[in-house]
C-alpha atoms as a PDB file:
ATOM      1  CA  UNK A   1       0.000   0.000   0.000  1.00  0.00           C
ATOM      2  CA  UNK A   2       1.482   3.406  -0.959  1.00  0.00           C
ATOM      3  CA  UNK A   3       2.356   5.807   1.829  1.00  0.00           C
ATOM      4  CA  UNK A   4       0.409   9.029   2.353  1.00  0.00           C
ATOM      5  CA  UNK A   5       3.306  10.969   0.864  1.00  0.00           C
ATOM      6  CA  UNK A   6       3.479   8.718  -2.212  1.00  0.00           C
ATOM      7  CA  UNK A   7      -0.275   8.985  -2.769  1.00  0.00           C
ATOM      8  CA  UNK A   8      -0.175  12.760  -2.401  1.00  0.00           C
ATOM      9  CA  UNK A   9       2.695  13.008  -4.869  1.00  0.00           C
ATOM     10  CA  UNK A  10       0.807  10.838  -7.361  1.00  0.00           C
ATOM     11  CA  UNK A  11      -2.766  12.103  -6.972  1.00  0.00           C
ATOM     12  CA  UNK A  12      -2.324  15.596  -5.517  1.00  0.00           C
ATOM     13  CA  UNK A  13      -4.715  14.959  -2.650  1.00  0.00           C
ATOM     14  CA  UNK A  14      -5.241  12.819   0.420  1.00  0.00           C
ATOM     15  CA  UNK A  15      -8.512  11.850   2.150  1.00  0.00           C
ATOM     16  CA  UNK A  16      -8.648  11.373   5.928  1.00  0.00           C
ATOM     17  CA  UNK A  17     -11.935   9.653   6.723  1.00  0.00           C
ATOM     18  CA  UNK A  18     -13.654  10.427  10.041  1.00  0.00           C
ATOM     19  CA  UNK A  19     -10.679  12.499  11.145  1.00  0.00           C
ATOM     20  CA  UNK A  20     -12.489  14.873  13.536  1.00  0.00           C
ATOM     21  CA  UNK A  21     -14.869  13.962  16.349  1.00  0.00           C
ATOM     22  CA  UNK A  22     -18.504  15.061  16.120  1.00  0.00           C
ATOM     23  CA  UNK A  23     -18.363  16.959  19.406  1.00  0.00           C
ATOM     24  CA  UNK A  24     -15.400  19.040  18.242  1.00  0.00           C
ATOM     25  CA  UNK A  25     -17.116  19.933  14.973  1.00  0.00           C
ATOM     26  CA  UNK A  26     -20.433  20.637  16.698  1.00  0.00           C
ATOM     27  CA  UNK A  27     -18.738  23.122  19.030  1.00  0.00           C
ATOM     28  CA  UNK A  28     -17.089  24.922  16.125  1.00  0.00           C
ATOM     29  CA  UNK A  29     -20.376  24.997  14.179  1.00  0.00           C
ATOM     30  CA  UNK A  30     -22.164  26.414  17.231  1.00  0.00           C
ATOM     31  CA  UNK A  31     -19.566  29.157  17.659  1.00  0.00           C
ATOM     32  CA  UNK A  32     -19.803  30.099  13.976  1.00  0.00           C
ATOM     33  CA  UNK A  33     -23.611  30.259  14.220  1.00  0.00           C
ATOM     34  CA  UNK A  34     -23.215  32.598  17.187  1.00  0.00           C
ATOM     35  CA  UNK A  35     -20.816  34.786  15.223  1.00  0.00           C
ATOM     36  CA  UNK A  36     -23.363  35.004  12.406  1.00  0.00           C
ATOM     37  CA  UNK A  37     -26.041  36.127  14.865  1.00  0.00           C
ATOM     38  CA  UNK A  38     -23.691  38.784  16.253  1.00  0.00           C
ATOM     39  CA  UNK A  39     -22.972  40.101  12.726  1.00  0.00           C
ATOM     40  CA  UNK A  40     -19.636  41.807  13.510  1.00  0.00           C
ATOM     41  CA  UNK A  41     -18.362  44.456  11.137  1.00  0.00           C
ATOM     42  CA  UNK A  42     -14.793  43.118  11.148  1.00  0.00           C
ATOM     43  CA  UNK A  43     -15.687  39.826   9.428  1.00  0.00           C
ATOM     44  CA  UNK A  44     -15.271  39.909   5.648  1.00  0.00           C
ATOM     45  CA  UNK A  45     -17.525  37.874   3.359  1.00  0.00           C
ATOM     46  CA  UNK A  46     -17.508  37.204  -0.367  1.00  0.00           C
ATOM     47  CA  UNK A  47     -20.957  36.773  -1.908  1.00  0.00           C
ATOM     48  CA  UNK A  48     -20.900  33.775  -4.231  1.00  0.00           C
ATOM     49  CA  UNK A  49     -23.958  34.820  -6.244  1.00  0.00           C
ATOM     50  CA  UNK A  50     -22.682  38.298  -7.174  1.00  0.00           C
ATOM     51  CA  UNK A  51     -18.939  38.235  -6.486  1.00  0.00           C
ATOM     52  CA  UNK A  52     -19.141  41.301  -4.244  1.00  0.00           C
ATOM     53  CA  UNK A  53     -17.101  41.597  -1.051  1.00  0.00           C
ATOM     54  CA  UNK A  54     -18.696  43.100   2.044  1.00  0.00           C
ATOM     55  CA  UNK A  55     -18.780  42.870   5.827  1.00  0.00           C
ATOM     56  CA  UNK A  56     -20.950  40.380   7.702  1.00  0.00           C
ATOM     57  CA  UNK A  57     -22.424  43.201   9.788  1.00  0.00           C
ATOM     58  CA  UNK A  58     -23.726  44.981   6.689  1.00  0.00           C
ATOM     59  CA  UNK A  59     -25.935  42.024   5.769  1.00  0.00           C
ATOM     60  CA  UNK A  60     -29.393  41.470   7.210  1.00  0.00           C
ATOM     61  CA  UNK A  61     -30.080  38.305   9.228  1.00  0.00           C
ATOM     62  CA  UNK A  62     -32.225  37.072   6.333  1.00  0.00           C
ATOM     63  CA  UNK A  63     -29.398  37.610   3.837  1.00  0.00           C
ATOM     64  CA  UNK A  64     -26.962  35.775   6.076  1.00  0.00           C
ATOM     65  CA  UNK A  65     -29.276  32.786   6.285  1.00  0.00           C
ATOM     66  CA  UNK A  66     -30.322  32.585   2.644  1.00  0.00           C
ATOM     67  CA  UNK A  67     -27.512  33.863   0.402  1.00  0.00           C
ATOM     68  CA  UNK A  68     -24.467  31.837  -0.602  1.00  0.00           C
ATOM     69  CA  UNK A  69     -21.249  33.282   0.752  1.00  0.00           C
ATOM     70  CA  UNK A  70     -17.734  32.565   1.924  1.00  0.00           C
ATOM     71  CA  UNK A  71     -16.985  33.906   5.400  1.00  0.00           C
ATOM     72  CA  UNK A  72     -13.276  34.711   5.582  1.00  0.00           C
ATOM     73  CA  UNK A  73     -10.656  34.589   8.296  1.00  0.00           C
ATOM     74  CA  UNK A  74     -12.675  33.428  11.293  1.00  0.00           C
ATOM     75  CA  UNK A  75      -9.426  31.863  12.467  1.00  0.00           C
ATOM     76  CA  UNK A  76      -8.056  35.319  13.308  1.00  0.00           C
ATOM     77  CA  UNK A  77     -10.100  35.730  16.498  1.00  0.00           C
ATOM     78  CA  UNK A  78     -11.676  32.301  17.080  1.00  0.00           C
ATOM     79  CA  UNK A  79      -9.235  30.016  18.955  1.00  0.00           C
ATOM     80  CA  UNK A  80     -11.402  26.913  18.413  1.00  0.00           C
ATOM     81  CA  UNK A  81     -11.042  27.278  14.643  1.00  0.00           C
ATOM     82  CA  UNK A  82      -7.288  27.717  14.960  1.00  0.00           C
ATOM     83  CA  UNK A  83      -7.144  24.549  17.076  1.00  0.00           C
ATOM     84  CA  UNK A  84      -9.117  22.672  14.431  1.00  0.00           C
ATOM     85  CA  UNK A  85      -6.810  23.837  11.647  1.00  0.00           C
ATOM     86  CA  UNK A  86      -3.620  23.216  13.618  1.00  0.00           C
ATOM     87  CA  UNK A  87      -4.492  20.146  15.663  1.00  0.00           C
ATOM     88  CA  UNK A  88      -1.480  18.018  16.535  1.00  0.00           C
ATOM     89  CA  UNK A  89      -2.852  15.081  14.563  1.00  0.00           C
ATOM     90  CA  UNK A  90      -3.461  17.114  11.408  1.00  0.00           C
ATOM     91  CA  UNK A  91      -0.114  18.870  11.713  1.00  0.00           C
ATOM     92  CA  UNK A  92       1.685  15.541  11.505  1.00  0.00           C
ATOM     93  CA  UNK A  93       0.096  14.920   8.110  1.00  0.00           C
ATOM     94  CA  UNK A  94       0.411  18.486   6.821  1.00  0.00           C
ATOM     95  CA  UNK A  95       4.077  18.748   7.768  1.00  0.00           C
ATOM     96  CA  UNK A  96       4.885  15.492   5.973  1.00  0.00           C
ATOM     97  CA  UNK A  97       3.001  16.446   2.806  1.00  0.00           C
ATOM     98  CA  UNK A  98       4.178  20.064   2.682  1.00  0.00           C
ATOM     99  CA  UNK A  99       7.716  19.156   3.668  1.00  0.00           C
ATOM    100  CA  UNK A 100       7.898  22.254   5.874  1.00  0.00           C
ATOM    101  CA  UNK A 101       6.414  23.664   9.083  1.00  0.00           C
ATOM    102  CA  UNK A 102       2.904  24.901   8.136  1.00  0.00           C
ATOM    103  CA  UNK A 103       1.624  28.408   8.818  1.00  0.00           C
ATOM    104  CA  UNK A 104      -2.156  28.809   8.810  1.00  0.00           C
ATOM    105  CA  UNK A 105      -2.695  31.883   6.628  1.00  0.00           C
ATOM    106  CA  UNK A 106      -6.341  31.777   5.566  1.00  0.00           C
ATOM    107  CA  UNK A 107      -9.684  30.239   6.473  1.00  0.00           C
ATOM    108  CA  UNK A 108     -13.018  30.099   4.660  1.00  0.00           C
ATOM    109  CA  UNK A 109     -16.385  28.992   6.028  1.00  0.00           C
ATOM    110  CA  UNK A 110     -19.131  27.931   3.619  1.00  0.00           C
ATOM    111  CA  UNK A 111     -22.644  26.755   4.417  1.00  0.00           C
ATOM    112  CA  UNK A 112     -23.538  25.942   0.837  1.00  0.00           C
ATOM    113  CA  UNK A 113     -21.698  24.701  -2.213  1.00  0.00           C
ATOM    114  CA  UNK A 114     -19.411  27.228  -3.862  1.00  0.00           C
ATOM    115  CA  UNK A 115     -20.278  26.266  -7.482  1.00  0.00           C
ATOM    116  CA  UNK A 116     -16.842  27.725  -8.207  1.00  0.00           C
ATOM    117  CA  UNK A 117     -15.316  26.844 -11.589  1.00  0.00           C
ATOM    118  CA  UNK A 118     -12.223  24.623 -11.552  1.00  0.00           C
ATOM    119  CA  UNK A 119      -9.151  26.532 -10.385  1.00  0.00           C
ATOM    120  CA  UNK A 120      -5.873  26.056  -8.542  1.00  0.00           C
ATOM    121  CA  UNK A 121      -5.097  27.846  -5.276  1.00  0.00           C
ATOM    122  CA  UNK A 122      -1.600  28.866  -6.370  1.00  0.00           C
ATOM    123  CA  UNK A 123      -3.220  31.234  -8.888  1.00  0.00           C
ATOM    124  CA  UNK A 124      -4.535  33.474  -6.127  1.00  0.00           C
ATOM    125  CA  UNK A 125      -2.363  32.671  -3.107  1.00  0.00           C
ATOM    126  CA  UNK A 126       0.830  32.258  -5.068  1.00  0.00           C
ATOM    127  CA  UNK A 127       3.547  31.007  -2.718  1.00  0.00           C
ATOM    128  CA  UNK A 128       6.921  32.699  -2.732  1.00  0.00           C
ATOM    129  CA  UNK A 129       8.547  29.294  -3.281  1.00  0.00           C
ATOM    130  CA  UNK A 130       7.094  26.623  -5.558  1.00  0.00           C
ATOM    131  CA  UNK A 131       4.871  24.113  -3.700  1.00  0.00           C
ATOM    132  CA  UNK A 132       5.094  25.990  -0.392  1.00  0.00           C
ATOM    133  CA  UNK A 133       1.289  26.124  -0.128  1.00  0.00           C
ATOM    134  CA  UNK A 134      -1.181  23.412   0.870  1.00  0.00           C
ATOM    135  CA  UNK A 135      -4.905  23.333   1.703  1.00  0.00           C
ATOM    136  CA  UNK A 136      -7.339  21.297   3.771  1.00  0.00           C
ATOM    137  CA  UNK A 137     -11.143  21.001   3.559  1.00  0.00           C
ATOM    138  CA  UNK A 138     -13.139  19.876   6.600  1.00  0.00           C
ATOM    139  CA  UNK A 139     -16.692  18.519   6.300  1.00  0.00           C
ATOM    140  CA  UNK A 140     -18.818  19.863   9.165  1.00  0.00           C
ATOM    141  CA  UNK A 141     -21.733  17.679   8.055  1.00  0.00           C
ATOM    142  CA  UNK A 142     -22.475  14.906   5.564  1.00  0.00           C
ATOM    143  CA  UNK A 143     -22.331  16.217   1.977  1.00  0.00           C
ATOM    144  CA  UNK A 144     -25.350  15.472  -0.218  1.00  0.00           C
ATOM    145  CA  UNK A 145     -24.642  15.017  -3.972  1.00  0.00           C
ATOM    146  CA  UNK A 146     -27.313  17.614  -4.817  1.00  0.00           C
ATOM    147  CA  UNK A 147     -25.675  20.260  -2.577  1.00  0.00           C
ATOM    148  CA  UNK A 148     -22.828  20.895  -5.014  1.00  0.00           C
ATOM    149  CA  UNK A 149     -20.024  18.615  -3.821  1.00  0.00           C
ATOM    150  CA  UNK A 150     -16.333  19.426  -3.920  1.00  0.00           C
ATOM    151  CA  UNK A 151     -14.859  18.282  -7.245  1.00  0.00           C
ATOM    152  CA  UNK A 152     -11.251  17.718  -8.275  1.00  0.00           C
ATOM    153  CA  UNK A 153      -9.064  16.222 -10.995  1.00  0.00           C
ATOM    154  CA  UNK A 154      -6.638  13.625  -9.581  1.00  0.00           C
ATOM    155  CA  UNK A 155      -3.147  14.097 -10.941  1.00  0.00           C
ATOM    156  CA  UNK A 156      -3.837  17.616 -12.251  1.00  0.00           C
ATOM    157  CA  UNK A 157      -1.228  19.087  -9.885  1.00  0.00           C
ATOM    158  CA  UNK A 158       1.441  17.624 -12.213  1.00  0.00           C
ATOM    159  CA  UNK A 159       0.194  19.521 -15.280  1.00  0.00           C
ATOM    160  CA  UNK A 160       2.472  22.297 -16.597  1.00  0.00           C
ATOM    161  CA  UNK A 161       1.233  25.629 -15.248  1.00  0.00           C
ATOM    162  CA  UNK A 162       0.635  28.591 -17.546  1.00  0.00           C
ATOM    163  CA  UNK A 163       2.854  31.637 -17.189  1.00  0.00           C
ATOM    164  CA  UNK A 164       0.926  34.909 -17.285  1.00  0.00           C
ATOM    165  CA  UNK A 165       2.092  38.102 -18.983  1.00  0.00           C
ATOM    166  CA  UNK A 166       3.515  39.270 -15.650  1.00  0.00           C
ATOM    167  CA  UNK A 167       6.099  36.502 -15.948  1.00  0.00           C
ATOM    168  CA  UNK A 168       4.707  34.508 -13.022  1.00  0.00           C
ATOM    169  CA  UNK A 169       2.009  31.954 -12.259  1.00  0.00           C
ATOM    170  CA  UNK A 170       0.007  34.556 -10.312  1.00  0.00           C
ATOM    171  CA  UNK A 171      -3.219  35.291 -12.147  1.00  0.00           C
ATOM    172  CA  UNK A 172      -3.980  38.334 -14.279  1.00  0.00           C
ATOM    173  CA  UNK A 173      -7.795  38.815 -14.270  1.00  0.00           C
ATOM    174  CA  UNK A 174      -8.005  39.666 -17.984  1.00  0.00           C
ATOM    175  CA  UNK A 175      -6.062  36.511 -18.879  1.00  0.00           C
ATOM    176  CA  UNK A 176      -8.220  34.036 -16.974  1.00  0.00           C
ATOM    177  CA  UNK A 177     -10.233  32.959 -20.074  1.00  0.00           C
ATOM    178  CA  UNK A 178      -6.915  32.059 -21.687  1.00  0.00           C
ATOM    179  CA  UNK A 179      -5.879  30.146 -18.550  1.00  0.00           C
ATOM    180  CA  UNK A 180      -9.181  28.234 -18.474  1.00  0.00           C
ATOM    181  CA  UNK A 181      -8.796  27.196 -22.120  1.00  0.00           C
ATOM    182  CA  UNK A 182      -5.187  26.214 -21.496  1.00  0.00           C
ATOM    183  CA  UNK A 183      -6.093  24.032 -18.500  1.00  0.00           C
ATOM    184  CA  UNK A 184      -9.004  22.426 -20.347  1.00  0.00           C
ATOM    185  CA  UNK A 185      -6.586  21.385 -23.095  1.00  0.00           C
ATOM    186  CA  UNK A 186      -4.068  20.100 -20.547  1.00  0.00           C
ATOM    187  CA  UNK A 187      -6.719  18.009 -18.766  1.00  0.00           C
ATOM    188  CA  UNK A 188      -7.997  16.591 -22.056  1.00  0.00           C
ATOM    189  CA  UNK A 189      -4.533  15.748 -23.364  1.00  0.00           C
ATOM    190  CA  UNK A 190      -3.599  14.062 -20.067  1.00  0.00           C
ATOM    191  CA  UNK A 191      -6.859  12.079 -20.016  1.00  0.00           C
ATOM    192  CA  UNK A 192      -7.747  13.212 -16.502  1.00  0.00           C
ATOM    193  CA  UNK A 193     -11.213  12.525 -15.088  1.00  0.00           C
ATOM    194  CA  UNK A 194     -13.154  14.671 -12.648  1.00  0.00           C
ATOM    195  CA  UNK A 195     -14.029  13.163  -9.249  1.00  0.00           C
ATOM    196  CA  UNK A 196     -16.552  14.204  -6.597  1.00  0.00           C
ATOM    197  CA  UNK A 197     -15.844  14.033  -2.880  1.00  0.00           C
ATOM    198  CA  UNK A 198     -18.778  12.317  -1.153  1.00  0.00           C
ATOM    199  CA  UNK A 199     -17.766  13.610   2.265  1.00  0.00           C
ATOM    200  CA  UNK A 200     -19.070  12.468   5.607  1.00  0.00           C
ATOM    201  CA  UNK A 201     -19.011  14.631   8.706  1.00  0.00           C
ATOM    202  CA  UNK A 202     -15.469  14.735  10.084  1.00  0.00           C
ATOM    203  CA  UNK A 203     -13.757  13.832   6.800  1.00  0.00           C
ATOM    204  CA  UNK A 204     -10.788  15.899   5.671  1.00  0.00           C
ATOM    205  CA  UNK A 205      -9.468  16.400   2.145  1.00  0.00           C
ATOM    206  CA  UNK A 206      -5.929  17.767   1.822  1.00  0.00           C
ATOM    207  CA  UNK A 207      -4.839  18.996  -1.598  1.00  0.00           C
ATOM    208  CA  UNK A 208      -1.811  20.272  -3.444  1.00  0.00           C
ATOM    209  CA  UNK A 209      -1.711  23.985  -4.315  1.00  0.00           C
ATOM    210  CA  UNK A 210      -1.776  23.121  -8.052  1.00  0.00           C
ATOM    211  CA  UNK A 211      -4.626  20.603  -7.873  1.00  0.00           C
ATOM    212  CA  UNK A 212      -7.475  21.618 -10.174  1.00  0.00           C
ATOM    213  CA  UNK A 213     -10.653  21.699  -8.083  1.00  0.00           C
ATOM    214  CA  UNK A 214     -13.972  23.514  -7.747  1.00  0.00           C
ATOM    215  CA  UNK A 215     -17.590  23.245  -6.640  1.00  0.00           C
ATOM    216  CA  UNK A 216     -20.071  20.949  -8.354  1.00  0.00           C
ATOM    217  CA  UNK A 217     -23.498  21.907  -9.667  1.00  0.00           C
ATOM    218  CA  UNK A 218     -26.073  22.698  -6.974  1.00  0.00           C
ATOM    219  CA  UNK A 219     -29.218  20.755  -7.833  1.00  0.00           C
ATOM    220  CA  UNK A 220     -31.068  21.604  -4.624  1.00  0.00           C
ATOM    221  CA  UNK A 221     -30.369  25.146  -3.328  1.00  0.00           C
ATOM    222  CA  UNK A 222     -32.129  24.348  -0.054  1.00  0.00           C
ATOM    223  CA  UNK A 223     -29.398  21.901   0.948  1.00  0.00           C
ATOM    224  CA  UNK A 224     -26.418  23.002   3.002  1.00  0.00           C
ATOM    225  CA  UNK A 225     -22.840  21.783   2.669  1.00  0.00           C
ATOM    226  CA  UNK A 226     -21.188  23.200   5.771  1.00  0.00           C
ATOM    227  CA  UNK A 227     -17.420  23.142   5.568  1.00  0.00           C
ATOM    228  CA  UNK A 228     -14.210  24.911   6.532  1.00  0.00           C
ATOM    229  CA  UNK A 229     -11.273  25.447   4.203  1.00  0.00           C
ATOM    230  CA  UNK A 230      -7.777  26.217   5.466  1.00  0.00           C
ATOM    231  CA  UNK A 231      -4.681  27.312   3.577  1.00  0.00           C
ATOM    232  CA  UNK A 232      -1.131  27.034   4.840  1.00  0.00           C
ATOM    233  CA  UNK A 233       2.121  28.577   3.675  1.00  0.00           C
ATOM    234  CA  UNK A 234       5.474  27.201   4.731  1.00  0.00           C
ATOM    235  CA  UNK A 235       7.181  28.849   7.690  1.00  0.00           C
ATOM    236  CA  UNK A 236      10.136  29.804   5.504  1.00  0.00           C
ATOM    237  CA  UNK A 237       7.898  31.582   2.975  1.00  0.00           C
ATOM    238  CA  UNK A 238       5.890  33.349   5.695  1.00  0.00           C
ATOM    239  CA  UNK A 239       9.064  34.543   7.409  1.00  0.00           C
ATOM    240  CA  UNK A 240      10.499  35.739   4.102  1.00  0.00           C
ATOM    241  CA  UNK A 241       7.374  37.885   3.688  1.00  0.00           C
ATOM    242  CA  UNK A 242       7.955  39.302   7.216  1.00  0.00           C
ATOM    243  CA  UNK A 243       4.561  38.068   8.403  1.00  0.00           C
ATOM    244  CA  UNK A 244       3.621  38.158  12.078  1.00  0.00           C
ATOM    245  CA  UNK A 245       3.490  34.539  13.238  1.00  0.00           C
ATOM    246  CA  UNK A 246       1.891  33.182  16.405  1.00  0.00           C
ATOM    247  CA  UNK A 247       2.969  29.790  17.724  1.00  0.00           C
ATOM    248  CA  UNK A 248       0.395  27.027  18.191  1.00  0.00           C
ATOM    249  CA  UNK A 249       1.167  23.375  18.868  1.00  0.00           C
ATOM    250  CA  UNK A 250       4.083  22.569  16.539  1.00  0.00           C
ATOM    251  CA  UNK A 251       3.239  25.178  13.910  1.00  0.00           C
ATOM    252  CA  UNK A 252       2.098  28.782  13.503  1.00  0.00           C
ATOM    253  CA  UNK A 253      -0.786  30.948  12.421  1.00  0.00           C
ATOM    254  CA  UNK A 254      -0.467  34.240  10.570  1.00  0.00           C
ATOM    255  CA  UNK A 255      -1.698  37.200  12.602  1.00  0.00           C
ATOM    256  CA  UNK A 256      -2.810  39.799  10.082  1.00  0.00           C
ATOM    257  CA  UNK A 257      -5.684  42.205   9.387  1.00  0.00           C
ATOM    258  CA  UNK A 258      -8.807  40.840   7.657  1.00  0.00           C
ATOM    259  CA  UNK A 259      -8.929  41.064   3.875  1.00  0.00           C
ATOM    260  CA  UNK A 260      -9.429  44.686   2.696  1.00  0.00           C
ATOM    261  CA  UNK A 261     -12.899  45.833   1.708  1.00  0.00           C
ATOM    262  CA  UNK A 262     -13.768  47.861  -1.394  1.00  0.00           C
ATOM    263  CA  UNK A 263     -13.718  51.594  -0.688  1.00  0.00           C
ATOM    264  CA  UNK A 264     -17.492  51.944  -1.084  1.00  0.00           C
ATOM    265  CA  UNK A 265     -18.090  49.161   1.445  1.00  0.00           C
ATOM    266  CA  UNK A 266     -15.515  50.561   3.847  1.00  0.00           C
ATOM    267  CA  UNK A 267     -17.428  53.847   3.812  1.00  0.00           C
ATOM    268  CA  UNK A 268     -20.561  52.041   4.937  1.00  0.00           C
ATOM    269  CA  UNK A 269     -18.720  50.818   8.020  1.00  0.00           C
ATOM    270  CA  UNK A 270     -18.436  54.447   9.082  1.00  0.00           C
ATOM    271  CA  UNK A 271     -22.175  54.978   8.664  1.00  0.00           C
ATOM    272  CA  UNK A 272     -24.041  56.419  11.656  1.00  0.00           C
ATOM    273  CA  UNK A 273     -27.815  56.256  11.209  1.00  0.00           C
ATOM    274  CA  UNK A 274     -28.693  58.842  13.848  1.00  0.00           C
ATOM    275  CA  UNK A 275     -26.037  61.322  12.724  1.00  0.00           C
ATOM    276  CA  UNK A 276     -26.975  60.887   9.057  1.00  0.00           C
ATOM    277  CA  UNK A 277     -30.656  61.636   9.640  1.00  0.00           C
ATOM    278  CA  UNK A 278     -29.778  64.630  11.814  1.00  0.00           C
ATOM    279  CA  UNK A 279     -27.368  65.973   9.192  1.00  0.00           C
ATOM    280  CA  UNK A 280     -29.850  65.549   6.324  1.00  0.00           C
ATOM    281  CA  UNK A 281     -33.432  66.502   7.287  1.00  0.00           C
ATOM    282  CA  UNK A 282     -34.655  65.743   3.753  1.00  0.00           C
ATOM    283  CA  UNK A 283     -33.594  62.124   4.217  1.00  0.00           C
ATOM    284  CA  UNK A 284     -35.129  61.998   7.695  1.00  0.00           C
ATOM    285  CA  UNK A 285     -38.432  63.248   6.250  1.00  0.00           C
ATOM    286  CA  UNK A 286     -38.278  60.658   3.460  1.00  0.00           C
ATOM    287  CA  UNK A 287     -37.644  57.861   5.958  1.00  0.00           C
ATOM    288  CA  UNK A 288     -40.499  59.070   8.181  1.00  0.00           C
ATOM    289  CA  UNK A 289     -42.810  59.139   5.153  1.00  0.00           C
ATOM    290  CA  UNK A 290     -41.878  55.559   4.235  1.00  0.00           C
ATOM    291  CA  UNK A 291     -39.891  56.461   1.136  1.00  0.00           C
ATOM    292  CA  UNK A 292     -36.829  54.655   2.526  1.00  0.00           C
ATOM    293  CA  UNK A 293     -36.532  51.939   5.133  1.00  0.00           C
ATOM    294  CA  UNK A 294     -33.621  53.743   6.757  1.00  0.00           C
ATOM    295  CA  UNK A 295     -30.958  56.361   6.294  1.00  0.00           C
ATOM    296  CA  UNK A 296     -28.583  53.537   5.389  1.00  0.00           C
ATOM    297  CA  UNK A 297     -30.797  52.519   2.484  1.00  0.00           C
ATOM    298  CA  UNK A 298     -30.827  56.107   1.207  1.00  0.00           C
ATOM    299  CA  UNK A 299     -27.050  56.323   1.575  1.00  0.00           C
ATOM    300  CA  UNK A 300     -26.503  53.106  -0.371  1.00  0.00           C
ATOM    301  CA  UNK A 301     -28.887  54.095  -3.188  1.00  0.00           C
ATOM    302  CA  UNK A 302     -28.161  57.819  -3.493  1.00  0.00           C
ATOM    303  CA  UNK A 303     -26.172  59.393  -0.664  1.00  0.00           C
ATOM    304  CA  UNK A 304     -22.832  57.773  -1.407  1.00  0.00           C
ATOM    305  CA  UNK A 305     -23.006  58.787  -5.069  1.00  0.00           C
ATOM    306  CA  UNK A 306     -24.079  62.298  -4.045  1.00  0.00           C
ATOM    307  CA  UNK A 307     -21.052  62.635  -1.770  1.00  0.00           C
ATOM    308  CA  UNK A 308     -23.045  62.852   1.464  1.00  0.00           C
ATOM    309  CA  UNK A 309     -21.223  62.314   4.749  1.00  0.00           C
ATOM    310  CA  UNK A 310     -22.043  58.856   6.222  1.00  0.00           C
ATOM    311  CA  UNK A 311     -21.582  60.020   9.829  1.00  0.00           C
END
């Protein structure tokens, strides 16, 4: 039987069945649900249906419960998520596969399938040194085939990677159609077949930074597919980038600010409903008459474009 390292080198991924205990995952899920109810403004989310980036606190409770999104970087201030990502047992596997001390640098929480087209992580989180990036995916519940399962192409990590016009493998947005066509040809020529991960609660999938993967078609939008994704750089790469590292178990996590928000969204974080209505009586009258639900709604629709002060 091939070793975990041999299988990873050959296939570009490794499955750890039933790796986490239910009680550990249930606690993490409960803490995330609490965070969603609190709706903090310092938690960044990417909306999967529109591609927009915003803050969790700017979404209504209904939007949080119904829209598809990726909640970023909960690891930064949630110790239980850091412990999950850097558990001693998982670190043993990650360190062997990465060949270096891992540094947790990113986390994503999804409640529904991403439906994301096939991609490789090294496009967007390009490591300083080749193959100094690895990822893990943790199933927080059983994954139903109609919920849009995780999909991947075994062996695709060994395909030659396209060099963009910037001279690197880091993506250029305008050149992504060319990259997609290039990878489709590479997959076809190599005879690679797409696989779906029929995950059970507690399963873990670890993949190579160049493994082609994405989210399958969602046939039933009512179904959830709760999961956590973690990315890890090598310690040597993180140190070379002068990142702030915090020690945990036998590895590290990157202590950094949350992902930046678009300027228009950042302005909303400064919004003060009471001050806005006091500053602009015409808006206050319109809200009182039912023309707008709130000063915030007016600001989003008109006030920002008109240059009105949000506070």
